[in-house]
Amino acid sequence: MKTKKILYSVLLIALPFVWTSCSDLLDVEPEDLITKENFYKTEADFQAATGPLYNKVWFDFNDKFYYGLGDGRADNLYAPYSDYVYPFTDLSETGLTGPLVSAWGSLYNVVQQSNNVIIGITDSEVSATVKNKYIAEARFMRGTAYWYLASLWGDVIISTDPRELVKNPIVNKNPVKDVYEFAIRDLEYAAKYLPETAGQAGRLTRYSAFGMLSRVYLSYSGLSSNPNSGTRNQEYLDLAKKAAEKVMTSGPYSLMTNYADLFMVDNNNNSESMFALQWVPNGDYGVNNTQQAYFALGSDITGDDAAWGYWTRASYDVLKEYESKDVRRKATWMADNDFYAEISKSNGGYTVDHANNFVNVKKGVVGSTKDNSKITRMNSALNTYMLRLGEVYLNYAEAALGNNASTADAVALAGVNKLRVRAGLDPKTTLTYADIIHERRVELCMEGQYWYDLVRRSYYKQQEVVNYITGQNRGTIQPILYDAATNAVSIDPAGSSSQRSIGNVDESIFLMPYPESELVQNPLLRESAVPYQFTEERIKDLF
């Protein structure tokens, strides 16, 4: 999709959305086109305008790229026949790779729809107090999209007014440092002006912004001109700690008791969810969560033909991460003899019945229409987690570790151990980077996060991450045996390995190629980045 086409189409995205009190979900059925002249008159208009920021604009990002990049490229996921996974796992994507092109367009749709909302609300005559709250909501979304853009492409175009880009789409990109700075300013504004609690289930709070800031500060802390410096900026490590601690001590969120319950449709917008994409039960294409169709092992799970996950499997590398008693494995991956009461309920539940030499995706697989009336073909109706409390605990722990070899920080240990105890594991008494990255990988597995963890580490320990990825030996597909009772994976001595051709593992893998169509439309993307001119001050006294 060309830049101008993307930006022009975003100017026309104007679907009034109603937040229905009966379901606490976004109802995104279009009623009429809105314009600046007849809209942005009341708070109800503001709610309707920000509605699509929770689903419609993220659809192409969520559909395949969310996990194809976040988990596939990190080698959590192995799908040798799925062209929305294997180019990322094989490190062979190009500017023509479909999900990559779609994700770029989706993220800029988030940016430009957020810009439309900000412009429309700013020019309205509603009170500043009300306006600031919804501008903050849009700036949270824009800041989050720019974190993804910076993490994926590095230097990208910063835009605050889509009308200018429609007039002239041939513009310079901005350096990654400025893109991060822009994202931080958006999220700091959101942390100041979003409400303490969500007025409607699924809406953001200021603690959602603090949680996202803990992620972005953590990323930014390692960014420097020397990707092998080995150290991070202490100022931003401290800010990451403060932002995470704000959530942990003052926010309205709490861990759910049972990890597997996080991924049940009826538990959408639960106590742990801080920002989730809101997919509409029985909604049209574009406001539906398609992921179950790509993950489900077979039609006996979905009850229809949309079940294409037989060859979408856990990698040998990720299966080695699970400790023997870790209940998170069964909630994330289906292994032979695993039983799930929530699937095929009319038959007394579902038992996985296949050979023990592969493991399929469970997280995101919720069953059929007979199991839950909210499910339809190619729409699980399950929220997509973009940020939850478990990550914030881990963000705090990593920031507390900082540039040290280990930490016994009491708050860090308390947060990490809450996750471990919930998972059925023994608590830790100290934490190293290896401990924290292990917990991140298994706690957030198949939630599109692990590749970004590796990118963050590459900002200051690039060669270490290159060596780690080389050690994953992605080019060799090992025959495995898996014991679901003990989470034990081993190489099958009777099997034979197969080889795949993968891209070069070097510093280039940490930046995605720009979509080819964008390079054609805007040749300045090939040129050096130009510093962005900021026009507002950073929020002060946020903590």
Protein backbone atom coordinates (compact mmCIF):
# COMPACT_ATOMS: atom_id res chain seq x y z
CA MET A 1 0.00 0.00 0.00
CA LYS A 2 1.47 3.33 -0.98
CA THR A 3 2.06 6.06 1.60
CA LYS A 4 -0.31 8.51 -0.02
CA LYS A 5 -3.03 5.87 -0.35
CA ILE A 6 -2.61 4.91 3.30
CA LEU A 7 -2.76 8.48 4.52
CA TYR A 8 -5.66 9.46 2.29
CA SER A 9 -7.68 6.45 3.36
CA VAL A 10 -7.01 7.26 6.99
CA LEU A 11 -8.44 10.72 6.51
CA LEU A 12 -11.65 9.00 5.48
CA ILE A 13 -11.80 6.59 8.43
CA ALA A 14 -14.74 8.04 10.26
CA LEU A 15 -16.88 5.34 11.75
CA PRO A 16 -19.00 6.31 14.74
CA PHE A 17 -18.65 3.58 17.32
CA VAL A 18 -20.89 3.00 20.29
CA TRP A 19 -19.53 1.49 23.50
CA THR A 20 -22.32 -0.81 24.59
CA SER A 21 -22.89 -1.03 28.31
CA CYS A 22 -24.48 -4.47 28.08
CA SER A 23 -21.33 -6.18 26.83
CA ASP A 24 -18.64 -3.74 27.87
CA LEU A 25 -17.16 -4.18 24.42
CA LEU A 26 -16.70 -1.85 21.49
CA ASP A 27 -19.55 -2.13 19.04
CA VAL A 28 -17.95 -1.10 15.80
CA GLU A 29 -20.77 -1.27 13.32
CA PRO A 30 -20.64 1.84 11.06
CA GLU A 31 -23.65 4.11 11.20
CA ASP A 32 -22.68 7.10 9.09
CA LEU A 33 -19.69 9.10 7.96
CA ILE A 34 -18.55 11.79 10.33
CA THR A 35 -16.88 15.06 9.46
CA LYS A 36 -15.21 17.76 11.46
CA GLU A 37 -18.19 20.04 10.82
CA ASN A 38 -20.84 17.76 12.35
CA PHE A 39 -18.76 15.86 14.89
CA TYR A 40 -16.56 16.47 17.93
CA LYS A 41 -19.36 18.38 19.63
CA THR A 42 -19.79 16.32 22.82
CA GLU A 43 -17.98 13.83 25.03
CA ALA A 44 -20.08 11.09 23.43
CA ASP A 45 -18.58 12.12 20.09
CA PHE A 46 -15.10 11.84 21.60
CA GLN A 47 -15.86 8.33 22.83
CA ALA A 48 -17.10 7.35 19.39
CA ALA A 49 -14.06 8.86 17.68
CA THR A 50 -11.57 7.02 19.88
CA GLY A 51 -13.44 3.71 19.56
CA PRO A 52 -11.65 2.46 16.40
CA LEU A 53 -8.31 3.04 18.10
CA TYR A 54 -9.00 -0.13 20.08
CA ASN A 55 -9.50 -2.42 17.09
CA LYS A 56 -10.12 -1.37 13.48
CA VAL A 57 -6.81 0.41 12.89
CA TRP A 58 -4.81 -2.41 14.51
CA PHE A 59 -6.45 -5.22 12.54
CA ASP A 60 -3.72 -5.82 9.95
CA PHE A 61 -1.08 -5.67 12.67
CA ASN A 62 -2.94 -8.21 14.80
CA ASP A 63 -4.07 -10.57 12.05
CA LYS A 64 -0.69 -12.25 11.39
CA PHE A 65 2.19 -9.89 12.12
CA TYR A 66 1.61 -9.67 15.91
CA TYR A 67 2.78 -13.24 16.48
CA GLY A 68 4.55 -13.90 13.15
CA LEU A 69 7.10 -11.24 14.02
CA GLY A 70 6.94 -11.14 17.82
CA ASP A 71 7.13 -14.91 18.30
CA GLY A 72 8.10 -16.28 14.90
CA ARG A 73 11.15 -14.08 14.47
CA ALA A 74 12.14 -14.82 18.07
CA ASP A 75 12.01 -18.57 17.26
CA ASN A 76 9.20 -19.35 19.67
CA LEU A 77 7.06 -20.38 16.74
CA TYR A 78 7.80 -22.76 13.87
CA ALA A 79 5.48 -22.84 10.84
CA PRO A 80 7.33 -24.10 7.76
CA TYR A 81 4.37 -23.75 5.38
CA SER A 82 2.94 -20.45 6.58
CA ASP A 83 4.31 -17.48 4.65
CA TYR A 84 3.23 -15.19 7.46
CA VAL A 85 5.60 -16.93 9.89
CA TYR A 86 8.55 -18.63 8.21
CA PRO A 87 10.01 -15.51 6.51
CA PHE A 88 10.44 -14.05 9.99
CA THR A 89 11.70 -17.24 11.64
CA ASP A 90 14.09 -17.78 8.73
CA LEU A 91 15.27 -14.14 8.88
CA SER A 92 14.48 -13.86 5.18
CA GLU A 93 11.74 -11.23 4.99
CA THR A 94 11.92 -8.52 2.33
CA GLY A 95 10.09 -5.31 1.55
CA LEU A 96 7.52 -7.45 -0.28
CA THR A 97 6.69 -9.76 2.66
CA GLY A 98 2.92 -9.41 3.02
CA PRO A 99 2.47 -9.19 6.81
CA LEU A 100 5.38 -6.73 7.05
CA VAL A 101 3.79 -4.42 4.48
CA SER A 102 0.41 -4.76 6.23
CA ALA A 103 1.90 -3.99 9.62
CA TRP A 104 3.54 -0.80 8.36
CA GLY A 105 0.20 0.33 6.96
CA SER A 106 -1.65 -0.65 10.12
CA LEU A 107 0.72 1.18 12.45
CA TYR A 108 0.49 4.32 10.34
CA ASN A 109 -3.28 3.96 10.34
CA VAL A 110 -3.06 4.04 14.15
CA VAL A 111 -0.88 7.14 13.96
CA GLN A 112 -3.05 9.01 11.50
CA GLN A 113 -6.40 8.10 13.01
CA SER A 114 -4.97 9.24 16.36
CA ASN A 115 -3.89 12.47 14.69
CA ASN A 116 -7.38 12.99 13.26
CA VAL A 117 -8.87 12.53 16.72
CA ILE A 118 -6.36 14.89 18.33
CA ILE A 119 -6.99 17.59 15.72
CA GLY A 120 -10.77 17.21 15.89
CA ILE A 121 -10.95 17.31 19.67
CA THR A 122 -8.43 20.16 20.00
CA ASP A 123 -10.54 22.38 17.75
CA SER A 124 -13.80 21.60 19.56
CA GLU A 125 -15.48 23.86 22.09
CA VAL A 126 -15.84 21.25 24.84
CA SER A 127 -14.10 21.97 28.17
CA ALA A 128 -10.34 21.46 28.35
CA THR A 129 -10.70 18.87 31.12
CA VAL A 130 -12.83 16.63 28.95
CA LYS A 131 -10.78 17.26 25.82
CA ASN A 132 -7.47 16.43 27.50
CA LYS A 133 -8.71 13.00 28.58
CA TYR A 134 -9.55 11.91 25.03
CA ILE A 135 -6.54 13.58 23.46
CA ALA A 136 -4.52 11.57 25.99
CA GLU A 137 -6.23 8.39 24.80
CA ALA A 138 -5.27 9.14 21.20
CA ARG A 139 -1.72 10.11 22.18
CA PHE A 140 -1.32 6.82 24.05
CA MET A 141 -2.24 4.95 20.87
CA ARG A 142 0.03 7.08 18.71
CA GLY A 143 2.92 6.73 21.15
CA THR A 144 2.48 2.96 21.29
CA ALA A 145 2.43 2.73 17.49
CA TYR A 146 5.63 4.77 17.30
CA TRP A 147 7.31 2.46 19.84
CA TYR A 148 6.56 -0.43 17.47
CA LEU A 149 7.74 1.55 14.44
CA ALA A 150 10.99 2.52 16.17
CA SER A 151 11.59 -1.03 17.41
CA LEU A 152 10.98 -2.50 13.96
CA TRP A 153 12.29 0.00 11.44
CA GLY A 154 14.37 2.42 13.52
CA ASP A 155 14.24 5.65 11.49
CA VAL A 156 10.66 6.40 10.39
CA ILE A 157 8.45 9.37 9.52
CA ILE A 158 7.01 11.28 12.47
CA SER A 159 3.66 12.78 11.53
CA THR A 160 1.19 14.85 13.52
CA ASP A 161 -1.08 16.03 10.69
CA PRO A 162 -2.15 13.62 7.95
CA ARG A 163 -3.38 16.49 5.79
CA GLU A 164 0.20 17.65 5.26
CA LEU A 165 1.34 14.21 4.15
CA VAL A 166 -1.55 13.90 1.74
CA LYS A 167 -0.40 17.14 0.11
CA ASN A 168 3.19 15.93 -0.02
CA PRO A 169 3.98 12.30 0.87
CA ILE A 170 7.63 12.65 -0.14
CA VAL A 171 9.18 13.61 3.19
CA ASN A 172 12.27 12.77 5.20
CA LYS A 173 12.28 10.11 7.85
CA ASN A 174 13.37 10.97 11.40
CA PRO A 175 16.10 9.28 13.47
CA VAL A 176 15.18 6.44 15.81
CA LYS A 177 16.24 8.48 18.85
CA ASP A 178 13.71 11.18 17.97
CA VAL A 179 11.01 8.57 17.27
CA TYR A 180 11.51 7.18 20.77
CA GLU A 181 11.48 10.69 22.20
CA PHE A 182 8.22 11.39 20.38
CA ALA A 183 6.65 8.19 21.73
CA ILE A 184 7.77 9.04 25.25
CA ARG A 185 6.26 12.53 25.07
CA ASP A 186 2.94 11.10 23.87
CA LEU A 187 2.86 8.53 26.66
CA GLU A 188 3.89 11.03 29.34
CA TYR A 189 1.01 13.25 28.24
CA ALA A 190 -1.28 10.23 28.45
CA ALA A 191 -0.02 9.42 31.96
CA LYS A 192 -0.87 12.93 33.08
CA TYR A 193 -4.33 13.29 31.54
CA LEU A 194 -5.90 9.82 31.29
CA PRO A 195 -8.35 9.01 34.12
CA GLU A 196 -7.41 7.10 37.26
CA THR A 197 -9.89 4.34 36.44
CA ALA A 198 -11.54 3.23 33.22
CA GLY A 199 -15.05 4.63 32.84
CA GLN A 200 -15.91 1.68 30.61
CA ALA A 201 -14.38 -1.78 30.55
CA GLY A 202 -11.40 -1.96 28.24
CA ARG A 203 -10.68 1.77 28.18
CA LEU A 204 -7.25 3.07 29.12
CA THR A 205 -6.25 4.58 32.45
CA ARG A 206 -3.27 6.72 33.36
CA TYR A 207 -1.69 3.55 34.76
CA SER A 208 -1.94 1.98 31.30
CA ALA A 209 0.28 4.85 30.19
CA PHE A 210 2.69 4.39 33.10
CA GLY A 211 2.89 0.69 32.23
CA MET A 212 3.66 1.43 28.58
CA LEU A 213 6.18 4.04 29.66
CA SER A 214 7.99 1.40 31.73
CA ARG A 215 8.42 -0.57 28.48
CA VAL A 216 9.49 2.40 26.35
CA TYR A 217 11.86 3.89 28.95
CA LEU A 218 13.46 0.44 29.26
CA SER A 219 13.97 0.24 25.50
CA TYR A 220 15.30 3.77 25.26
CA SER A 221 17.75 3.29 28.11
CA GLY A 222 19.97 1.07 25.96
CA LEU A 223 19.86 3.11 22.77
CA SER A 224 23.20 4.75 21.96
CA SER A 225 25.68 5.22 19.15
CA ASN A 226 27.55 2.12 20.34
CA PRO A 227 25.37 -1.01 20.18
CA ASN A 228 28.02 -2.96 22.07
CA SER A 229 28.57 -0.49 24.90
CA GLY A 230 27.32 -3.06 27.41
CA THR A 231 25.57 -0.46 29.56
CA ARG A 232 22.30 1.40 29.68
CA ASN A 233 21.41 4.96 30.62
CA GLN A 234 20.73 4.97 34.36
CA GLU A 235 18.36 7.93 34.15
CA TYR A 236 15.99 5.98 31.93
CA LEU A 237 16.38 2.78 33.91
CA ASP A 238 15.26 4.77 36.94
CA LEU A 239 12.33 6.21 35.02
CA ALA A 240 11.31 2.70 33.94
CA LYS A 241 11.36 1.62 37.59
CA LYS A 242 9.31 4.62 38.68
CA ALA A 243 6.73 4.10 35.94
CA ALA A 244 6.36 0.40 36.73
CA GLU A 245 6.20 1.06 40.46
CA LYS A 246 3.45 3.64 39.89
CA VAL A 247 1.36 0.87 38.35
CA MET A 248 2.25 -1.67 41.02
CA THR A 249 1.55 0.56 44.01
CA SER A 250 -1.25 2.86 42.83
CA GLY A 251 -2.92 1.25 39.84
CA PRO A 252 -6.26 -0.62 39.88
CA TYR A 253 -4.81 -3.84 38.40
CA SER A 254 -4.12 -7.21 40.01
CA LEU A 255 -2.99 -10.63 38.84
CA MET A 256 -5.59 -13.24 38.05
CA THR A 257 -5.28 -16.37 40.17
CA ASN A 258 -5.12 -18.85 37.29
CA TYR A 259 -2.79 -18.12 34.36
CA ALA A 260 -4.89 -20.07 31.86
CA ASP A 261 -7.94 -17.94 32.70
CA LEU A 262 -6.24 -14.95 31.07
CA PHE A 263 -6.98 -16.50 27.69
CA MET A 264 -10.68 -17.24 28.06
CA VAL A 265 -13.14 -15.09 26.08
CA ASP A 266 -15.35 -14.57 29.12
CA ASN A 267 -12.39 -13.03 30.93
CA ASN A 268 -11.80 -10.23 28.45
CA ASN A 269 -10.93 -6.96 30.22
CA ASN A 270 -9.93 -8.77 33.39
CA SER A 271 -8.10 -7.32 36.39
CA GLU A 272 -4.68 -7.90 34.79
CA SER A 273 -5.44 -6.34 31.41
CA MET A 274 -4.02 -2.83 31.01
CA PHE A 275 -4.38 -2.35 27.26
CA ALA A 276 -6.02 -4.89 24.99
CA LEU A 277 -7.40 -4.74 21.49
CA GLN A 278 -11.16 -5.10 21.69
CA TRP A 279 -12.57 -7.50 19.10
CA VAL A 280 -16.31 -7.60 18.49
CA PRO A 281 -18.34 -10.81 18.92
CA ASN A 282 -20.15 -11.41 15.62
CA GLY A 283 -18.32 -8.39 14.20
CA ASP A 284 -17.51 -7.89 10.56
CA TYR A 285 -14.09 -8.52 9.06
CA GLY A 286 -11.71 -5.88 10.35
CA VAL A 287 -13.03 -5.85 13.91
CA ASN A 288 -12.61 -9.60 14.48
CA ASN A 289 -9.77 -11.65 15.97
CA THR A 290 -8.71 -14.14 13.29
CA GLN A 291 -5.86 -15.76 15.21
CA GLN A 292 -7.67 -18.95 16.28
CA ALA A 293 -8.07 -19.92 12.62
CA TYR A 294 -4.30 -19.82 12.12
CA PHE A 295 -3.53 -21.63 15.38
CA ALA A 296 -6.21 -24.30 15.85
CA LEU A 297 -4.91 -27.86 15.47
CA GLY A 298 -8.03 -29.11 13.67
CA SER A 299 -11.70 -28.57 12.90
CA ASP A 300 -12.69 -30.71 15.88
CA ILE A 301 -11.66 -27.64 17.92
CA THR A 302 -13.25 -24.86 15.88
CA GLY A 303 -16.27 -26.79 14.58
CA ASP A 304 -15.68 -25.40 11.08
CA ASP A 305 -13.08 -25.37 8.31
CA ALA A 306 -11.09 -22.44 9.74
CA ALA A 307 -8.44 -24.48 11.54
CA TRP A 308 -5.05 -24.25 9.87
CA GLY A 309 -2.65 -24.74 12.78
CA TYR A 310 -1.49 -28.34 12.37
CA TRP A 311 1.93 -27.16 11.20
CA THR A 312 2.02 -24.09 13.45
CA ARG A 313 4.16 -25.43 16.26
CA ALA A 314 6.37 -24.65 19.21
CA SER A 315 10.06 -24.58 18.37
CA TYR A 316 12.47 -26.94 20.07
CA ASP A 317 14.24 -23.83 21.35
CA VAL A 318 11.23 -22.49 23.26
CA LEU A 319 10.14 -25.87 24.63
CA LYS A 320 13.51 -26.16 26.37
CA GLU A 321 12.58 -23.07 28.42
CA TYR A 322 9.73 -24.63 30.39
CA GLU A 323 10.46 -25.95 33.86
CA SER A 324 8.85 -29.27 34.72
CA LYS A 325 5.97 -27.88 36.81
CA ASP A 326 5.31 -24.70 34.81
CA VAL A 327 1.57 -24.55 34.10
CA ARG A 328 2.13 -21.80 31.56
CA ARG A 329 3.26 -24.35 29.01
CA LYS A 330 -0.15 -26.08 28.82
CA ALA A 331 -1.92 -22.71 28.62
CA THR A 332 0.37 -21.69 25.75
CA TRP A 333 1.07 -24.91 23.84
CA MET A 334 -0.98 -28.07 23.23
CA ALA A 335 0.94 -31.32 23.65
CA ASP A 336 -0.19 -34.92 23.26
CA ASN A 337 -2.57 -35.98 26.07
CA ASP A 338 -3.23 -32.42 27.31
CA PHE A 339 -6.86 -31.98 28.37
CA TYR A 340 -8.88 -28.74 27.98
CA ALA A 341 -12.31 -28.60 29.62
CA GLU A 342 -13.27 -25.35 27.87
CA ILE A 343 -13.03 -26.89 24.37
CA SER A 344 -15.59 -29.36 22.98
CA LYS A 345 -17.67 -28.97 26.12
CA SER A 346 -20.56 -31.07 24.80
CA ASN A 347 -18.18 -34.02 24.56
CA GLY A 348 -16.83 -33.55 28.07
CA GLY A 349 -13.76 -31.58 26.97
CA TYR A 350 -10.94 -31.97 24.51
CA THR A 351 -7.89 -34.22 24.81
CA VAL A 352 -5.02 -33.67 22.38
CA ASP A 353 -4.45 -36.92 20.55
CA HIS A 354 -1.48 -36.92 18.24
CA ALA A 355 2.12 -38.10 18.30
CA ASN A 356 4.42 -36.65 20.94
CA ASN A 357 6.87 -35.33 18.37
CA PHE A 358 5.28 -31.91 17.94
CA VAL A 359 3.43 -29.32 20.04
CA ASN A 360 0.78 -26.90 18.72
CA VAL A 361 -0.49 -23.48 19.76
CA LYS A 362 -3.06 -23.24 22.55
CA LYS A 363 -2.94 -19.56 23.54
CA GLY A 364 -5.60 -17.86 21.43
CA VAL A 365 -7.44 -21.13 20.74
CA VAL A 366 -10.78 -20.95 22.55
CA GLY A 367 -13.10 -23.48 20.95
CA SER A 368 -16.21 -23.45 18.77
CA THR A 369 -19.54 -21.66 18.66
CA LYS A 370 -20.94 -24.50 20.74
CA ASP A 371 -18.41 -23.73 23.47
CA ASN A 372 -19.09 -19.97 23.54
CA SER A 373 -21.78 -17.93 21.79
CA LYS A 374 -19.32 -15.05 21.26
CA ILE A 375 -17.22 -17.12 18.84
CA THR A 376 -17.87 -17.16 15.09
CA ARG A 377 -15.92 -18.46 12.13
CA MET A 378 -12.55 -16.68 12.05
CA ASN A 379 -13.44 -14.59 15.09
CA SER A 380 -12.48 -15.88 18.50
CA ALA A 381 -13.67 -12.60 20.10
CA LEU A 382 -10.68 -12.94 22.44
CA ASN A 383 -9.00 -9.65 23.29
CA THR A 384 -5.40 -9.25 22.15
CA TYR A 385 -3.13 -8.28 25.03
CA MET A 386 -0.95 -5.32 24.19
CA LEU A 387 0.04 -4.71 27.83
CA ARG A 388 -0.78 -6.56 31.02
CA LEU A 389 0.35 -6.40 34.61
CA GLY A 390 2.68 -9.41 34.35
CA GLU A 391 4.86 -7.51 31.89
CA VAL A 392 5.04 -4.49 34.17
CA TYR A 393 6.41 -6.68 36.98
CA LEU A 394 9.08 -7.90 34.60
CA ASN A 395 9.82 -4.39 33.35
CA TYR A 396 10.42 -3.28 36.92
CA ALA A 397 12.71 -6.25 37.56
CA GLU A 398 14.80 -5.59 34.47
CA ALA A 399 15.10 -1.89 35.28
CA ALA A 400 16.08 -2.72 38.87
CA LEU A 401 18.74 -5.10 37.59
CA GLY A 402 19.99 -2.32 35.35
CA ASN A 403 23.69 -2.63 34.61
CA ASN A 404 24.34 -5.07 37.46
CA ALA A 405 25.00 -8.80 37.25
CA SER A 406 22.22 -9.60 39.74
CA THR A 407 19.72 -7.93 42.02
CA ALA A 408 17.94 -8.76 45.26
CA ASP A 409 15.63 -5.74 44.96
CA ALA A 410 12.63 -6.66 47.12
CA VAL A 411 10.03 -5.16 44.79
CA ALA A 412 11.54 -6.88 41.75
CA LEU A 413 11.60 -10.24 43.53
CA ALA A 414 8.05 -9.81 44.78
CA GLY A 415 6.72 -9.18 41.27
CA VAL A 416 8.64 -11.95 39.53
CA ASN A 417 7.82 -14.43 42.29
CA LYS A 418 4.11 -13.68 42.02
CA LEU A 419 4.34 -14.84 38.41
CA ARG A 420 6.42 -17.89 39.28
CA VAL A 421 4.22 -19.01 42.15
CA ARG A 422 1.12 -18.62 39.98
CA ALA A 423 2.88 -20.82 37.43
CA GLY A 424 3.45 -23.52 40.07
CA LEU A 425 7.17 -22.79 40.47
CA ASP A 426 9.49 -22.04 43.37
CA PRO A 427 10.30 -18.39 44.09
CA LYS A 428 13.69 -16.82 43.41
CA THR A 429 15.94 -15.18 46.02
CA THR A 430 18.01 -13.19 43.50
CA LEU A 431 17.55 -12.27 39.87
CA THR A 432 19.97 -12.21 36.96
CA TYR A 433 19.30 -11.13 33.39
CA ALA A 434 19.04 -14.81 32.45
CA ASP A 435 16.32 -15.26 35.09
CA ILE A 436 14.35 -12.24 33.89
CA ILE A 437 14.56 -12.97 30.17
CA HIS A 438 13.51 -16.57 30.87
CA GLU A 439 10.44 -15.35 32.73
CA ARG A 440 9.63 -12.88 29.97
CA ARG A 441 9.85 -15.59 27.34
CA VAL A 442 7.52 -18.06 29.05
CA GLU A 443 5.15 -15.59 30.73
CA LEU A 444 4.51 -13.61 27.53
CA CYS A 445 5.03 -16.39 24.99
CA MET A 446 2.69 -16.13 21.99
CA GLU A 447 1.80 -12.58 23.02
CA GLY A 448 4.03 -11.03 20.38
CA GLN A 449 6.73 -9.78 22.75
CA TYR A 450 9.94 -11.82 22.72
CA TRP A 451 11.50 -10.40 19.54
CA TYR A 452 11.21 -6.90 21.01
CA ASP A 453 13.01 -8.14 24.13
CA LEU A 454 15.88 -9.23 21.90
CA VAL A 455 15.87 -5.94 19.99
CA ARG A 456 16.02 -4.02 23.29
CA ARG A 457 19.04 -6.07 24.36
CA SER A 458 20.69 -5.51 20.96
CA TYR A 459 20.76 -1.75 21.55
CA TYR A 460 23.64 -2.17 24.00
CA LYS A 461 24.75 -5.83 23.72
CA GLN A 462 24.30 -6.46 20.03
CA GLN A 463 26.97 -9.12 19.55
CA GLU A 464 25.62 -11.10 22.50
CA VAL A 465 22.19 -11.20 20.87
CA VAL A 466 23.67 -12.11 17.48
CA ASN A 467 25.49 -14.99 19.17
CA TYR A 468 22.29 -16.05 20.96
CA ILE A 469 20.31 -16.14 17.71
CA THR A 470 23.10 -18.04 15.99
CA GLY A 471 22.95 -20.55 18.85
CA GLN A 472 19.26 -21.16 18.21
CA ASN A 473 20.37 -23.09 15.12
CA ARG A 474 17.24 -22.16 13.20
CA GLY A 475 18.50 -23.78 10.02
CA THR A 476 18.23 -27.25 11.56
CA ILE A 477 14.76 -28.57 12.39
CA GLN A 478 15.33 -31.17 15.10
CA PRO A 479 13.06 -34.22 15.49
CA ILE A 480 11.74 -34.06 19.05
CA LEU A 481 9.94 -36.08 21.68
CA TYR A 482 7.80 -34.20 24.17
CA ASP A 483 6.49 -35.36 27.54
CA ALA A 484 3.50 -33.23 28.50
CA ALA A 485 3.47 -34.51 32.09
CA THR A 486 6.96 -33.17 32.83
CA ASN A 487 7.42 -30.47 30.15
CA ALA A 488 10.48 -32.40 29.03
CA VAL A 489 11.68 -32.09 25.44
CA SER A 490 14.43 -34.21 23.92
CA ILE A 491 15.88 -35.00 20.53
CA ASP A 492 14.30 -38.11 19.01
CA PRO A 493 17.20 -40.52 18.38
CA ALA A 494 15.12 -42.40 15.82
CA GLY A 495 14.27 -39.29 13.82
CA SER A 496 16.28 -37.29 11.34
CA SER A 497 16.78 -33.54 11.22
CA SER A 498 15.90 -31.39 8.23
CA GLN A 499 17.62 -28.26 7.01
CA ARG A 500 16.20 -24.84 6.12
CA SER A 501 18.00 -21.95 4.48
CA ILE A 502 18.03 -18.88 6.72
CA GLY A 503 19.28 -15.34 6.27
CA ASN A 504 22.58 -14.04 7.56
CA VAL A 505 22.68 -13.58 11.33
CA ASP A 506 24.37 -10.22 11.80
CA GLU A 507 23.55 -6.70 12.94
CA SER A 508 21.20 -6.17 9.98
CA ILE A 509 18.54 -8.49 11.42
CA PHE A 510 17.46 -5.93 14.03
CA LEU A 511 15.90 -3.59 11.46
CA MET A 512 13.07 -4.58 9.14
CA PRO A 513 13.21 -3.60 5.46
CA TYR A 514 10.90 -0.76 4.48
CA PRO A 515 7.96 -1.90 2.33
CA GLU A 516 8.99 -1.72 -1.31
CA SER A 517 5.85 0.21 -2.22
CA GLU A 518 6.76 2.88 0.33
CA LEU A 519 10.27 3.25 -1.09
CA VAL A 520 8.81 3.74 -4.56
CA GLN A 521 6.29 6.30 -3.37
CA ASN A 522 8.71 8.11 -1.04
CA PRO A 523 12.34 7.81 -2.20
CA LEU A 524 13.46 9.96 0.74
CA LEU A 525 13.08 6.85 2.91
CA ARG A 526 16.38 5.75 1.32
CA GLU A 527 18.11 8.93 2.45
CA SER A 528 19.60 9.82 5.82
CA ALA A 529 17.20 10.69 8.62
CA VAL A 530 16.58 14.35 9.46
CA PRO A 531 16.20 15.43 13.12
CA TYR A 532 12.65 16.13 14.22
CA GLN A 533 11.81 19.60 15.51
CA PHE A 534 9.88 19.22 18.76
CA THR A 535 7.44 22.02 19.50
CA GLU A 536 6.39 21.21 23.06
CA GLU A 537 8.13 20.61 26.37
CA ARG A 538 8.25 17.25 28.14
CA ILE A 539 5.70 16.79 30.92
CA LYS A 540 7.27 17.73 34.24
CA ASP A 541 6.64 16.36 37.75
CA LEU A 542 5.00 13.22 36.39
CA PHE A 543 6.21 11.11 39.29
